[in-house]
């Protein structure tokens, strides 16, 4: 497959019909509770995204970990869904996972057929994405780490984050603003390139 042309803008005018001969793939947007998954899917999607958000109530107190996200008013209870055309040949179907531990049982089904994943990380709460990374490794799903730079988040060197998260040296780490379409698209481009490189490496004679 030709992966050239990633720097061209997406093609929202084709929201109703895929380009003839294009290839569509499933990509997951994972991470801990409140790391920006719904925001990323919404910011980058060519179509109006499907969300399954519900309002947080007092019933979640003591169930969901709200440390660091006390201002969060809603949460994904099933999945988020969006779609983006990266170029004329490649369309990504985006599935955002729920972040709370009580909904993790949905992950196995959501990840079936996924080509790869973006794991969003809040540098203020690194531990919130530990489980997502463990799941990527358990399911053997290629992934990239995207450090979502919240307004009050501190910037850390990539290798310092890599050590803290204990991830493979070949796994890309990027910074992003999940609210920004271009920034989110760049993360998806990096994921596709990583998948391509990993596939090429697997085909090399040993």
N, C-alpha and C. Protein backbone atom coordinates (compact mmCIF):
# COMPACT_ATOMS: atom_id res chain seq x y z
N UNK A 1 0.84 -1.20 0.00
CA UNK A 1 0.00 0.00 0.00
C UNK A 1 0.87 1.24 0.00
N UNK A 2 0.45 2.25 -0.75
CA UNK A 2 1.17 3.51 -0.80
C UNK A 2 0.70 4.41 0.33
N UNK A 3 1.61 4.74 1.25
CA UNK A 3 1.26 5.59 2.38
C UNK A 3 1.68 7.03 2.17
N UNK A 4 2.04 7.39 0.94
CA UNK A 4 2.41 8.78 0.67
C UNK A 4 1.18 9.68 0.72
N UNK A 5 1.43 10.97 0.87
CA UNK A 5 0.34 11.92 0.85
C UNK A 5 -0.32 12.16 2.19
N UNK A 6 0.33 11.72 3.30
CA UNK A 6 -0.25 11.90 4.62
C UNK A 6 -0.39 13.37 4.99
N UNK A 7 0.44 14.23 4.41
CA UNK A 7 0.41 15.63 4.80
C UNK A 7 -0.67 16.41 4.09
N UNK A 8 -1.36 15.77 3.14
CA UNK A 8 -2.49 16.44 2.52
C UNK A 8 -3.66 16.45 3.49
N UNK A 9 -4.56 17.43 3.38
CA UNK A 9 -5.72 17.46 4.28
C UNK A 9 -6.61 16.24 4.07
N UNK A 10 -7.43 15.95 5.08
CA UNK A 10 -8.37 14.84 4.95
C UNK A 10 -9.46 15.22 3.95
N UNK A 11 -10.36 14.27 3.67
CA UNK A 11 -11.35 14.47 2.62
C UNK A 11 -12.76 14.38 3.19
N UNK A 12 -13.22 15.40 3.95
CA UNK A 12 -14.54 15.33 4.55
C UNK A 12 -15.67 15.26 3.53
N UNK A 13 -15.42 15.69 2.28
CA UNK A 13 -16.48 15.66 1.28
C UNK A 13 -16.87 14.24 0.91
N UNK A 14 -16.07 13.25 1.31
CA UNK A 14 -16.41 11.87 0.99
C UNK A 14 -17.03 11.17 2.19
N UNK A 15 -17.60 11.94 3.10
CA UNK A 15 -18.17 11.34 4.30
C UNK A 15 -19.25 10.32 3.98
N UNK A 16 -19.95 10.50 2.84
CA UNK A 16 -21.05 9.61 2.51
C UNK A 16 -20.66 8.42 1.66
N UNK A 17 -19.46 8.44 1.08
CA UNK A 17 -19.07 7.34 0.18
C UNK A 17 -17.56 7.23 0.14
N UNK A 18 -17.07 6.01 0.21
CA UNK A 18 -15.63 5.80 0.18
C UNK A 18 -15.12 5.86 -1.24
N UNK A 19 -13.90 6.36 -1.40
CA UNK A 19 -13.27 6.44 -2.71
C UNK A 19 -13.09 5.04 -3.28
N UNK A 20 -13.36 4.88 -4.55
CA UNK A 20 -13.22 3.57 -5.19
C UNK A 20 -11.79 3.06 -5.03
N UNK A 21 -11.65 1.82 -4.56
CA UNK A 21 -10.34 1.23 -4.40
C UNK A 21 -9.67 1.57 -3.08
N UNK A 22 -10.35 2.31 -2.22
CA UNK A 22 -9.73 2.68 -0.95
C UNK A 22 -9.75 1.50 0.01
N UNK A 23 -8.93 1.59 1.02
CA UNK A 23 -8.87 0.54 2.03
C UNK A 23 -9.27 1.13 3.37
N UNK A 24 -10.13 0.45 4.09
CA UNK A 24 -10.54 0.91 5.41
C UNK A 24 -9.99 -0.01 6.48
N UNK A 25 -9.53 0.57 7.57
CA UNK A 25 -8.96 -0.21 8.66
C UNK A 25 -9.51 0.31 9.99
N UNK A 26 -9.50 -0.55 10.96
CA UNK A 26 -10.01 -0.24 12.29
C UNK A 26 -8.86 0.14 13.21
N UNK A 27 -9.00 1.29 13.86
CA UNK A 27 -7.98 1.79 14.78
C UNK A 27 -8.65 2.14 16.11
N UNK A 28 -8.01 1.77 17.20
CA UNK A 28 -8.54 2.06 18.53
C UNK A 28 -7.89 3.31 19.12
N UNK A 29 -8.68 4.03 19.90
CA UNK A 29 -8.15 5.15 20.70
C UNK A 29 -8.42 4.77 22.15
N UNK A 30 -7.35 4.41 22.85
CA UNK A 30 -7.47 3.87 24.20
C UNK A 30 -6.77 4.79 25.20
N UNK A 31 -6.85 4.40 26.45
CA UNK A 31 -6.21 5.19 27.50
C UNK A 31 -7.03 5.15 28.77
N UNK A 32 -6.54 5.79 29.79
CA UNK A 32 -7.23 5.80 31.08
C UNK A 32 -8.42 6.74 31.09
N UNK A 33 -9.07 6.78 32.22
CA UNK A 33 -10.23 7.63 32.43
C UNK A 33 -9.84 9.10 32.34
N UNK A 34 -10.52 9.84 31.46
CA UNK A 34 -10.29 11.28 31.37
C UNK A 34 -9.03 11.69 30.64
N UNK A 35 -8.48 10.82 29.79
CA UNK A 35 -7.25 11.18 29.07
C UNK A 35 -7.51 11.88 27.74
N UNK A 36 -8.78 11.95 27.30
CA UNK A 36 -9.09 12.71 26.08
C UNK A 36 -9.50 11.89 24.88
N UNK A 37 -9.92 10.65 25.10
CA UNK A 37 -10.26 9.76 23.98
C UNK A 37 -11.45 10.28 23.17
N UNK A 38 -12.52 10.62 23.85
CA UNK A 38 -13.70 11.15 23.16
C UNK A 38 -13.36 12.44 22.43
N UNK A 39 -12.55 13.28 23.07
CA UNK A 39 -12.15 14.55 22.46
C UNK A 39 -11.37 14.31 21.18
N UNK A 40 -10.43 13.36 21.19
CA UNK A 40 -9.64 13.09 20.00
C UNK A 40 -10.50 12.57 18.86
N UNK A 41 -11.35 11.61 19.13
CA UNK A 41 -12.21 11.06 18.08
C UNK A 41 -13.08 12.17 17.49
N UNK A 42 -13.62 13.03 18.35
CA UNK A 42 -14.48 14.11 17.88
C UNK A 42 -13.75 15.16 17.07
N UNK A 43 -12.51 15.45 17.46
CA UNK A 43 -11.77 16.52 16.80
C UNK A 43 -11.29 16.12 15.41
N UNK A 44 -11.02 14.84 15.20
CA UNK A 44 -10.38 14.41 13.95
C UNK A 44 -11.36 13.77 12.97
N UNK A 45 -12.54 13.38 13.42
CA UNK A 45 -13.47 12.64 12.57
C UNK A 45 -14.02 13.50 11.44
N UNK A 46 -14.11 12.90 10.24
CA UNK A 46 -14.73 13.56 9.09
C UNK A 46 -16.25 13.59 9.20
N UNK A 47 -16.79 12.73 10.02
CA UNK A 47 -18.25 12.66 10.20
C UNK A 47 -18.58 13.06 11.63
N UNK A 48 -19.84 13.36 11.87
CA UNK A 48 -20.27 13.63 13.25
C UNK A 48 -20.07 12.34 14.04
N UNK A 49 -19.23 12.37 15.08
CA UNK A 49 -18.91 11.12 15.78
C UNK A 49 -20.09 10.59 16.59
N UNK A 50 -20.12 9.28 16.73
CA UNK A 50 -21.07 8.63 17.62
C UNK A 50 -20.41 8.55 18.99
N UNK A 51 -21.09 9.02 20.00
CA UNK A 51 -20.57 8.93 21.36
C UNK A 51 -21.60 8.27 22.26
N UNK A 52 -21.13 7.65 23.33
CA UNK A 52 -22.03 7.03 24.30
C UNK A 52 -21.72 7.60 25.67
N UNK A 53 -21.73 8.91 25.76
CA UNK A 53 -21.40 9.57 27.02
C UNK A 53 -22.62 9.69 27.92
N UNK A 54 -22.39 9.49 29.21
CA UNK A 54 -23.42 9.68 30.21
C UNK A 54 -22.89 10.61 31.29
N UNK A 55 -23.80 11.32 31.94
CA UNK A 55 -23.41 12.27 32.98
C UNK A 55 -22.92 11.53 34.21
N UNK A 56 -21.81 12.00 34.76
CA UNK A 56 -21.31 11.44 36.01
C UNK A 56 -22.22 11.89 37.16
N UNK A 57 -22.56 10.97 38.03
CA UNK A 57 -23.42 11.29 39.15
C UNK A 57 -22.73 10.90 40.46
N UNK A 58 -23.40 11.14 41.56
CA UNK A 58 -22.85 10.78 42.87
C UNK A 58 -22.64 9.28 43.00
N UNK A 59 -23.35 8.51 42.17
CA UNK A 59 -23.20 7.04 42.23
C UNK A 59 -21.81 6.60 41.84
N UNK A 60 -21.06 7.45 41.11
CA UNK A 60 -19.72 7.07 40.68
C UNK A 60 -18.68 7.31 41.77
N UNK A 61 -19.03 8.07 42.80
CA UNK A 61 -18.09 8.35 43.88
C UNK A 61 -17.70 7.05 44.56
N UNK A 62 -16.39 6.82 44.65
CA UNK A 62 -15.90 5.58 45.24
C UNK A 62 -15.81 4.44 44.25
N UNK A 63 -16.36 4.65 43.04
CA UNK A 63 -16.28 3.63 41.99
C UNK A 63 -15.26 4.04 40.94
N UNK A 64 -15.40 5.25 40.40
CA UNK A 64 -14.45 5.79 39.42
C UNK A 64 -13.41 6.65 40.12
N UNK A 65 -12.18 6.56 39.66
CA UNK A 65 -11.09 7.35 40.21
C UNK A 65 -11.13 8.74 39.58
N UNK A 66 -11.58 9.74 40.34
CA UNK A 66 -11.70 11.10 39.82
C UNK A 66 -10.54 11.99 40.21
N UNK A 67 -9.49 11.40 40.78
CA UNK A 67 -8.32 12.19 41.15
C UNK A 67 -7.70 12.80 39.89
N UNK A 68 -7.59 14.11 39.87
CA UNK A 68 -7.01 14.80 38.72
C UNK A 68 -8.01 15.16 37.64
N UNK A 69 -9.23 14.64 37.75
CA UNK A 69 -10.28 14.94 36.76
C UNK A 69 -11.59 15.27 37.47
N UNK A 70 -11.48 15.98 38.58
CA UNK A 70 -12.65 16.28 39.39
C UNK A 70 -13.69 17.11 38.65
N UNK A 71 -13.25 17.86 37.62
CA UNK A 71 -14.18 18.70 36.87
C UNK A 71 -14.88 17.95 35.75
N UNK A 72 -14.55 16.70 35.54
CA UNK A 72 -15.15 15.92 34.46
C UNK A 72 -16.63 15.69 34.75
N UNK A 73 -17.50 15.98 33.78
CA UNK A 73 -18.94 15.90 33.99
C UNK A 73 -19.60 14.71 33.32
N UNK A 74 -18.91 14.09 32.35
CA UNK A 74 -19.50 12.96 31.64
C UNK A 74 -18.44 11.92 31.35
N UNK A 75 -18.88 10.72 30.94
CA UNK A 75 -17.94 9.64 30.69
C UNK A 75 -18.49 8.70 29.62
N UNK A 76 -17.59 8.09 28.86
CA UNK A 76 -17.97 7.11 27.85
C UNK A 76 -18.30 5.78 28.52
N UNK A 77 -19.48 5.24 28.21
CA UNK A 77 -19.89 3.99 28.85
C UNK A 77 -19.84 2.80 27.91
N UNK A 78 -19.60 3.02 26.64
CA UNK A 78 -19.51 1.91 25.69
C UNK A 78 -18.37 2.15 24.72
N UNK A 79 -18.55 3.09 23.77
CA UNK A 79 -17.51 3.41 22.81
C UNK A 79 -17.79 4.75 22.16
N UNK A 80 -16.78 5.28 21.52
CA UNK A 80 -16.92 6.42 20.62
C UNK A 80 -16.57 5.92 19.22
N UNK A 81 -17.19 6.49 18.21
CA UNK A 81 -16.91 6.05 16.84
C UNK A 81 -16.80 7.26 15.92
N UNK A 82 -15.75 7.25 15.08
CA UNK A 82 -15.57 8.29 14.08
C UNK A 82 -14.87 7.71 12.87
N UNK A 83 -14.67 8.54 11.85
CA UNK A 83 -14.01 8.09 10.63
C UNK A 83 -13.22 9.24 10.02
N UNK A 84 -12.01 8.91 9.51
CA UNK A 84 -11.19 9.92 8.86
C UNK A 84 -10.49 9.31 7.65
N UNK A 85 -10.46 10.05 6.55
CA UNK A 85 -9.70 9.66 5.38
C UNK A 85 -8.33 10.33 5.47
N UNK A 86 -7.27 9.53 5.60
CA UNK A 86 -5.93 10.11 5.67
C UNK A 86 -5.40 10.49 4.30
N UNK A 87 -5.80 9.75 3.29
CA UNK A 87 -5.50 10.09 1.90
C UNK A 87 -6.51 9.37 1.03
N UNK A 88 -6.31 9.38 -0.29
CA UNK A 88 -7.32 8.82 -1.17
C UNK A 88 -7.44 7.30 -1.08
N UNK A 89 -6.43 6.65 -0.49
CA UNK A 89 -6.44 5.18 -0.42
C UNK A 89 -6.77 4.64 0.98
N UNK A 90 -6.66 5.47 2.00
CA UNK A 90 -6.71 4.93 3.36
C UNK A 90 -7.75 5.65 4.22
N UNK A 91 -8.72 4.88 4.71
CA UNK A 91 -9.76 5.40 5.59
C UNK A 91 -9.65 4.67 6.94
N UNK A 92 -9.62 5.44 8.01
CA UNK A 92 -9.54 4.86 9.35
C UNK A 92 -10.90 4.95 10.03
N UNK A 93 -11.35 3.83 10.57
CA UNK A 93 -12.52 3.81 11.44
C UNK A 93 -12.01 3.83 12.87
N UNK A 94 -12.39 4.85 13.60
CA UNK A 94 -11.86 5.09 14.94
C UNK A 94 -12.84 4.62 16.00
N UNK A 95 -12.35 3.82 16.93
CA UNK A 95 -13.16 3.34 18.05
C UNK A 95 -12.51 3.77 19.35
N UNK A 96 -13.17 4.64 20.09
CA UNK A 96 -12.65 5.07 21.38
C UNK A 96 -13.17 4.16 22.49
N UNK A 97 -12.28 3.72 23.36
CA UNK A 97 -12.66 2.79 24.42
C UNK A 97 -13.10 3.53 25.67
N UNK A 98 -13.94 2.90 26.50
CA UNK A 98 -14.23 3.46 27.82
C UNK A 98 -13.01 3.35 28.70
N UNK A 99 -12.81 4.32 29.59
CA UNK A 99 -11.60 4.34 30.40
C UNK A 99 -11.74 3.75 31.79
N UNK A 100 -12.97 3.72 32.33
CA UNK A 100 -13.13 3.27 33.71
C UNK A 100 -12.99 1.75 33.83
N UNK A 101 -12.46 1.34 34.94
CA UNK A 101 -12.21 -0.08 35.18
C UNK A 101 -13.47 -0.91 35.06
N UNK A 102 -14.63 -0.38 35.45
CA UNK A 102 -15.86 -1.17 35.42
C UNK A 102 -16.34 -1.48 34.00
N UNK A 103 -15.75 -0.80 32.98
CA UNK A 103 -16.14 -1.06 31.59
C UNK A 103 -15.05 -1.77 30.80
N UNK A 104 -13.98 -2.19 31.46
CA UNK A 104 -12.88 -2.82 30.75
C UNK A 104 -13.28 -4.15 30.11
N UNK A 105 -14.32 -4.79 30.61
CA UNK A 105 -14.74 -6.07 30.03
C UNK A 105 -15.13 -5.92 28.56
N UNK A 106 -15.42 -4.69 28.12
CA UNK A 106 -15.79 -4.45 26.72
C UNK A 106 -14.60 -4.47 25.78
N UNK A 107 -13.40 -4.34 26.32
CA UNK A 107 -12.23 -4.14 25.46
C UNK A 107 -11.97 -5.30 24.51
N UNK A 108 -12.09 -6.53 24.99
CA UNK A 108 -11.78 -7.68 24.13
C UNK A 108 -12.60 -7.66 22.85
N UNK A 109 -13.88 -7.38 22.97
CA UNK A 109 -14.73 -7.32 21.80
C UNK A 109 -14.41 -6.14 20.90
N UNK A 110 -14.13 -4.98 21.52
CA UNK A 110 -13.85 -3.78 20.74
C UNK A 110 -12.57 -3.93 19.91
N UNK A 111 -11.61 -4.66 20.42
CA UNK A 111 -10.32 -4.76 19.75
C UNK A 111 -10.27 -5.81 18.65
N UNK A 112 -11.31 -6.59 18.49
CA UNK A 112 -11.30 -7.59 17.42
C UNK A 112 -11.20 -6.91 16.06
N UNK A 113 -10.20 -7.31 15.28
CA UNK A 113 -10.01 -6.77 13.95
C UNK A 113 -9.28 -5.44 13.90
N UNK A 114 -8.81 -4.96 15.04
CA UNK A 114 -8.12 -3.66 15.06
C UNK A 114 -6.71 -3.79 14.49
N UNK A 115 -6.32 -2.83 13.65
CA UNK A 115 -4.98 -2.82 13.07
C UNK A 115 -3.96 -2.28 14.05
N UNK A 116 -4.37 -1.35 14.89
CA UNK A 116 -3.46 -0.74 15.85
C UNK A 116 -4.21 0.18 16.78
N UNK A 117 -3.47 0.88 17.64
CA UNK A 117 -4.12 1.72 18.64
C UNK A 117 -3.27 2.93 19.00
N UNK A 118 -3.96 3.99 19.37
CA UNK A 118 -3.34 5.15 20.01
C UNK A 118 -3.66 5.03 21.49
N UNK A 119 -2.64 5.11 22.34
CA UNK A 119 -2.87 5.14 23.78
C UNK A 119 -2.62 6.57 24.26
N UNK A 120 -3.70 7.24 24.67
CA UNK A 120 -3.58 8.60 25.18
C UNK A 120 -3.15 8.58 26.64
N UNK A 121 -2.21 9.45 26.96
CA UNK A 121 -1.66 9.51 28.30
C UNK A 121 -1.73 10.94 28.82
N UNK A 122 -2.19 11.08 30.04
CA UNK A 122 -2.18 12.36 30.75
C UNK A 122 -0.94 12.36 31.63
N UNK A 123 0.03 13.23 31.34
CA UNK A 123 1.30 13.21 32.09
C UNK A 123 1.11 13.59 33.55
N UNK A 124 -0.02 14.16 33.90
CA UNK A 124 -0.30 14.46 35.30
C UNK A 124 -0.73 13.21 36.06
N UNK A 125 -1.15 12.17 35.31
CA UNK A 125 -1.67 10.94 35.91
C UNK A 125 -1.22 9.75 35.07
N UNK A 126 0.07 9.52 35.01
CA UNK A 126 0.60 8.44 34.18
C UNK A 126 -0.03 7.10 34.51
N UNK A 127 -0.29 6.89 35.79
CA UNK A 127 -0.81 5.58 36.21
C UNK A 127 -2.17 5.27 35.62
N UNK A 128 -2.90 6.29 35.18
CA UNK A 128 -4.25 6.06 34.64
C UNK A 128 -4.22 5.28 33.33
N UNK A 129 -3.08 5.25 32.64
CA UNK A 129 -2.99 4.55 31.36
C UNK A 129 -2.16 3.27 31.43
N UNK A 130 -1.73 2.88 32.63
CA UNK A 130 -0.96 1.64 32.76
C UNK A 130 -1.74 0.45 32.22
N UNK A 131 -3.03 0.35 32.59
CA UNK A 131 -3.82 -0.81 32.19
C UNK A 131 -3.98 -0.85 30.67
N UNK A 132 -4.17 0.30 30.04
CA UNK A 132 -4.33 0.32 28.59
C UNK A 132 -3.08 -0.20 27.90
N UNK A 133 -1.92 0.19 28.39
CA UNK A 133 -0.66 -0.28 27.80
C UNK A 133 -0.51 -1.78 28.00
N UNK A 134 -0.86 -2.26 29.19
CA UNK A 134 -0.79 -3.69 29.45
C UNK A 134 -1.70 -4.47 28.50
N UNK A 135 -2.87 -3.92 28.20
CA UNK A 135 -3.80 -4.59 27.30
C UNK A 135 -3.25 -4.63 25.87
N UNK A 136 -2.61 -3.53 25.43
CA UNK A 136 -2.02 -3.52 24.09
C UNK A 136 -0.97 -4.63 23.97
N UNK A 137 -0.16 -4.76 24.99
CA UNK A 137 0.90 -5.76 24.97
C UNK A 137 0.32 -7.17 25.05
N UNK A 138 -0.72 -7.35 25.86
CA UNK A 138 -1.35 -8.67 25.98
C UNK A 138 -2.01 -9.09 24.68
N UNK A 139 -2.67 -8.14 24.01
CA UNK A 139 -3.36 -8.43 22.76
C UNK A 139 -2.44 -8.37 21.54
N UNK A 140 -1.18 -7.99 21.76
CA UNK A 140 -0.19 -7.86 20.69
C UNK A 140 -0.67 -6.90 19.60
N UNK A 141 -1.21 -5.77 20.03
CA UNK A 141 -1.69 -4.73 19.12
C UNK A 141 -0.63 -3.64 19.00
N UNK A 142 -0.18 -3.32 17.79
CA UNK A 142 0.78 -2.21 17.62
C UNK A 142 0.16 -0.90 18.13
N UNK A 143 0.94 -0.11 18.85
CA UNK A 143 0.38 1.13 19.37
C UNK A 143 1.44 2.22 19.45
N UNK A 144 0.96 3.45 19.52
CA UNK A 144 1.82 4.60 19.81
C UNK A 144 1.29 5.26 21.07
N UNK A 145 2.19 5.92 21.78
CA UNK A 145 1.81 6.69 22.97
C UNK A 145 1.65 8.14 22.56
N UNK A 146 0.50 8.73 22.89
CA UNK A 146 0.26 10.15 22.62
C UNK A 146 0.06 10.87 23.95
N UNK A 147 1.01 11.75 24.27
CA UNK A 147 0.93 12.53 25.51
C UNK A 147 0.02 13.72 25.26
N UNK A 148 -1.18 13.67 25.82
CA UNK A 148 -2.16 14.73 25.62
C UNK A 148 -1.82 15.89 26.55
N UNK A 149 -1.42 17.00 25.96
CA UNK A 149 -0.91 18.12 26.75
C UNK A 149 -2.05 19.00 27.24
N UNK A 150 -2.57 18.65 28.40
CA UNK A 150 -3.58 19.48 29.04
C UNK A 150 -2.96 20.82 29.43
N UNK A 151 -3.78 21.88 29.56
CA UNK A 151 -3.23 23.22 29.83
C UNK A 151 -2.28 23.30 31.02
N UNK A 152 -2.56 22.53 32.07
CA UNK A 152 -1.71 22.59 33.25
C UNK A 152 -0.74 21.41 33.34
N UNK A 153 -0.59 20.67 32.24
CA UNK A 153 0.31 19.50 32.24
C UNK A 153 1.75 19.92 32.05
N UNK A 154 2.64 19.21 32.70
CA UNK A 154 4.06 19.47 32.57
C UNK A 154 4.63 18.64 31.43
N UNK A 155 5.55 19.22 30.68
CA UNK A 155 6.18 18.50 29.57
C UNK A 155 7.37 17.70 30.09
N UNK A 156 7.44 16.44 29.69
CA UNK A 156 8.54 15.56 30.10
C UNK A 156 9.27 15.04 28.86
N UNK A 157 10.58 14.79 28.96
CA UNK A 157 11.30 14.17 27.83
C UNK A 157 10.70 12.80 27.52
N UNK A 158 10.66 12.47 26.24
CA UNK A 158 10.05 11.21 25.81
C UNK A 158 10.67 10.00 26.49
N UNK A 159 11.99 10.00 26.63
CA UNK A 159 12.64 8.84 27.22
C UNK A 159 12.34 8.70 28.71
N UNK A 160 12.09 9.82 29.37
CA UNK A 160 11.69 9.77 30.78
C UNK A 160 10.30 9.15 30.91
N UNK A 161 9.41 9.51 30.00
CA UNK A 161 8.07 8.92 29.98
C UNK A 161 8.16 7.44 29.63
N UNK A 162 9.02 7.10 28.66
CA UNK A 162 9.18 5.70 28.26
C UNK A 162 9.61 4.84 29.44
N UNK A 163 10.54 5.35 30.21
CA UNK A 163 11.01 4.60 31.38
C UNK A 163 9.91 4.46 32.42
N UNK A 164 9.16 5.55 32.65
CA UNK A 164 8.10 5.52 33.65
C UNK A 164 6.98 4.55 33.26
N UNK A 165 6.70 4.46 31.96
CA UNK A 165 5.64 3.58 31.48
C UNK A 165 6.14 2.17 31.17
N UNK A 166 7.48 2.00 31.18
CA UNK A 166 8.09 0.69 30.91
C UNK A 166 7.65 0.12 29.57
N UNK A 167 7.77 0.93 28.51
CA UNK A 167 7.37 0.46 27.19
C UNK A 167 8.57 0.21 26.29
N UNK A 168 8.34 -0.57 25.26
CA UNK A 168 9.36 -0.99 24.31
C UNK A 168 10.06 0.23 23.69
N UNK A 169 11.38 0.16 23.48
CA UNK A 169 12.10 1.29 22.88
C UNK A 169 11.67 1.63 21.46
N UNK A 170 11.00 0.71 20.78
CA UNK A 170 10.57 0.95 19.41
C UNK A 170 9.16 1.55 19.33
N UNK A 171 8.49 1.67 20.46
CA UNK A 171 7.14 2.24 20.47
C UNK A 171 7.23 3.76 20.42
N UNK A 172 6.67 4.41 19.39
CA UNK A 172 6.76 5.87 19.28
C UNK A 172 6.02 6.58 20.42
N UNK A 173 6.60 7.69 20.87
CA UNK A 173 5.97 8.56 21.85
C UNK A 173 5.87 9.95 21.24
N UNK A 174 4.65 10.50 21.21
CA UNK A 174 4.43 11.82 20.64
C UNK A 174 3.68 12.68 21.63
N UNK A 175 3.75 13.98 21.45
CA UNK A 175 2.89 14.89 22.19
C UNK A 175 1.78 15.36 21.27
N UNK A 176 0.63 15.67 21.84
CA UNK A 176 -0.48 16.11 21.01
C UNK A 176 -1.44 16.96 21.83
N UNK A 177 -2.33 17.61 21.12
CA UNK A 177 -3.46 18.30 21.72
C UNK A 177 -4.69 17.62 21.12
N UNK A 178 -5.36 16.81 21.91
CA UNK A 178 -6.49 16.01 21.40
C UNK A 178 -7.63 16.89 20.91
N UNK A 179 -7.63 18.16 21.27
CA UNK A 179 -8.69 19.06 20.80
C UNK A 179 -8.44 19.55 19.38
N UNK A 180 -7.22 19.40 18.91
CA UNK A 180 -6.81 19.97 17.64
C UNK A 180 -6.82 18.90 16.54
N UNK A 181 -7.54 19.15 15.46
CA UNK A 181 -7.67 18.17 14.38
C UNK A 181 -6.32 17.79 13.78
N UNK A 182 -5.50 18.80 13.46
CA UNK A 182 -4.22 18.52 12.82
C UNK A 182 -3.31 17.72 13.74
N UNK A 183 -3.29 18.07 15.02
CA UNK A 183 -2.46 17.36 15.98
C UNK A 183 -2.91 15.91 16.13
N UNK A 184 -4.20 15.69 16.22
CA UNK A 184 -4.73 14.33 16.34
C UNK A 184 -4.46 13.52 15.08
N UNK A 185 -4.59 14.16 13.91
CA UNK A 185 -4.32 13.47 12.65
C UNK A 185 -2.86 13.05 12.57
N UNK A 186 -1.96 13.91 13.05
CA UNK A 186 -0.54 13.57 13.04
C UNK A 186 -0.25 12.31 13.87
N UNK A 187 -0.97 12.17 14.97
CA UNK A 187 -0.80 10.98 15.81
C UNK A 187 -1.25 9.74 15.03
N UNK A 188 -2.35 9.82 14.32
CA UNK A 188 -2.84 8.69 13.54
C UNK A 188 -1.87 8.34 12.40
N UNK A 189 -1.30 9.36 11.79
CA UNK A 189 -0.30 9.13 10.75
C UNK A 189 0.90 8.39 11.32
N UNK A 190 1.35 8.82 12.50
CA UNK A 190 2.49 8.15 13.16
C UNK A 190 2.15 6.70 13.47
N UNK A 191 0.91 6.43 13.87
CA UNK A 191 0.50 5.06 14.15
C UNK A 191 0.57 4.20 12.89
N UNK A 192 0.03 4.70 11.78
CA UNK A 192 0.05 3.92 10.54
C UNK A 192 1.48 3.65 10.08
N UNK A 193 2.34 4.63 10.20
CA UNK A 193 3.75 4.43 9.84
C UNK A 193 4.40 3.38 10.75
N UNK A 194 4.08 3.43 12.03
CA UNK A 194 4.62 2.45 12.97
C UNK A 194 4.14 1.05 12.60
N UNK A 195 2.87 0.91 12.25
CA UNK A 195 2.33 -0.40 11.87
C UNK A 195 3.04 -0.91 10.62
N UNK A 196 3.25 -0.01 9.65
CA UNK A 196 3.91 -0.40 8.41
C UNK A 196 5.34 -0.87 8.69
N UNK A 197 6.07 -0.12 9.53
CA UNK A 197 7.45 -0.48 9.86
C UNK A 197 7.50 -1.81 10.61
N UNK A 198 6.58 -2.00 11.52
CA UNK A 198 6.55 -3.24 12.30
C UNK A 198 6.23 -4.43 11.40
N UNK A 199 5.32 -4.24 10.45
CA UNK A 199 4.99 -5.32 9.51
C UNK A 199 6.17 -5.66 8.62
N UNK A 200 6.89 -4.62 8.17
CA UNK A 200 8.06 -4.85 7.32
C UNK A 200 9.13 -5.60 8.09
N UNK A 201 9.33 -5.24 9.36
CA UNK A 201 10.34 -5.91 10.18
C UNK A 201 10.00 -7.38 10.39
N UNK A 202 8.71 -7.68 10.52
CA UNK A 202 8.28 -9.07 10.74
C UNK A 202 8.53 -9.93 9.52
N UNK A 203 8.59 -9.32 8.34
CA UNK A 203 8.80 -10.06 7.10
C UNK A 203 10.28 -10.28 6.77
N UNK A 204 11.14 -9.57 7.49
CA UNK A 204 12.58 -9.70 7.22
C UNK A 204 13.07 -11.09 7.63
N UNK A 205 13.94 -11.70 6.84
CA UNK A 205 14.49 -13.02 7.19
C UNK A 205 15.30 -12.93 8.47
N UNK A 206 15.20 -13.94 9.28
CA UNK A 206 15.92 -13.96 10.56
C UNK A 206 17.10 -14.94 10.48
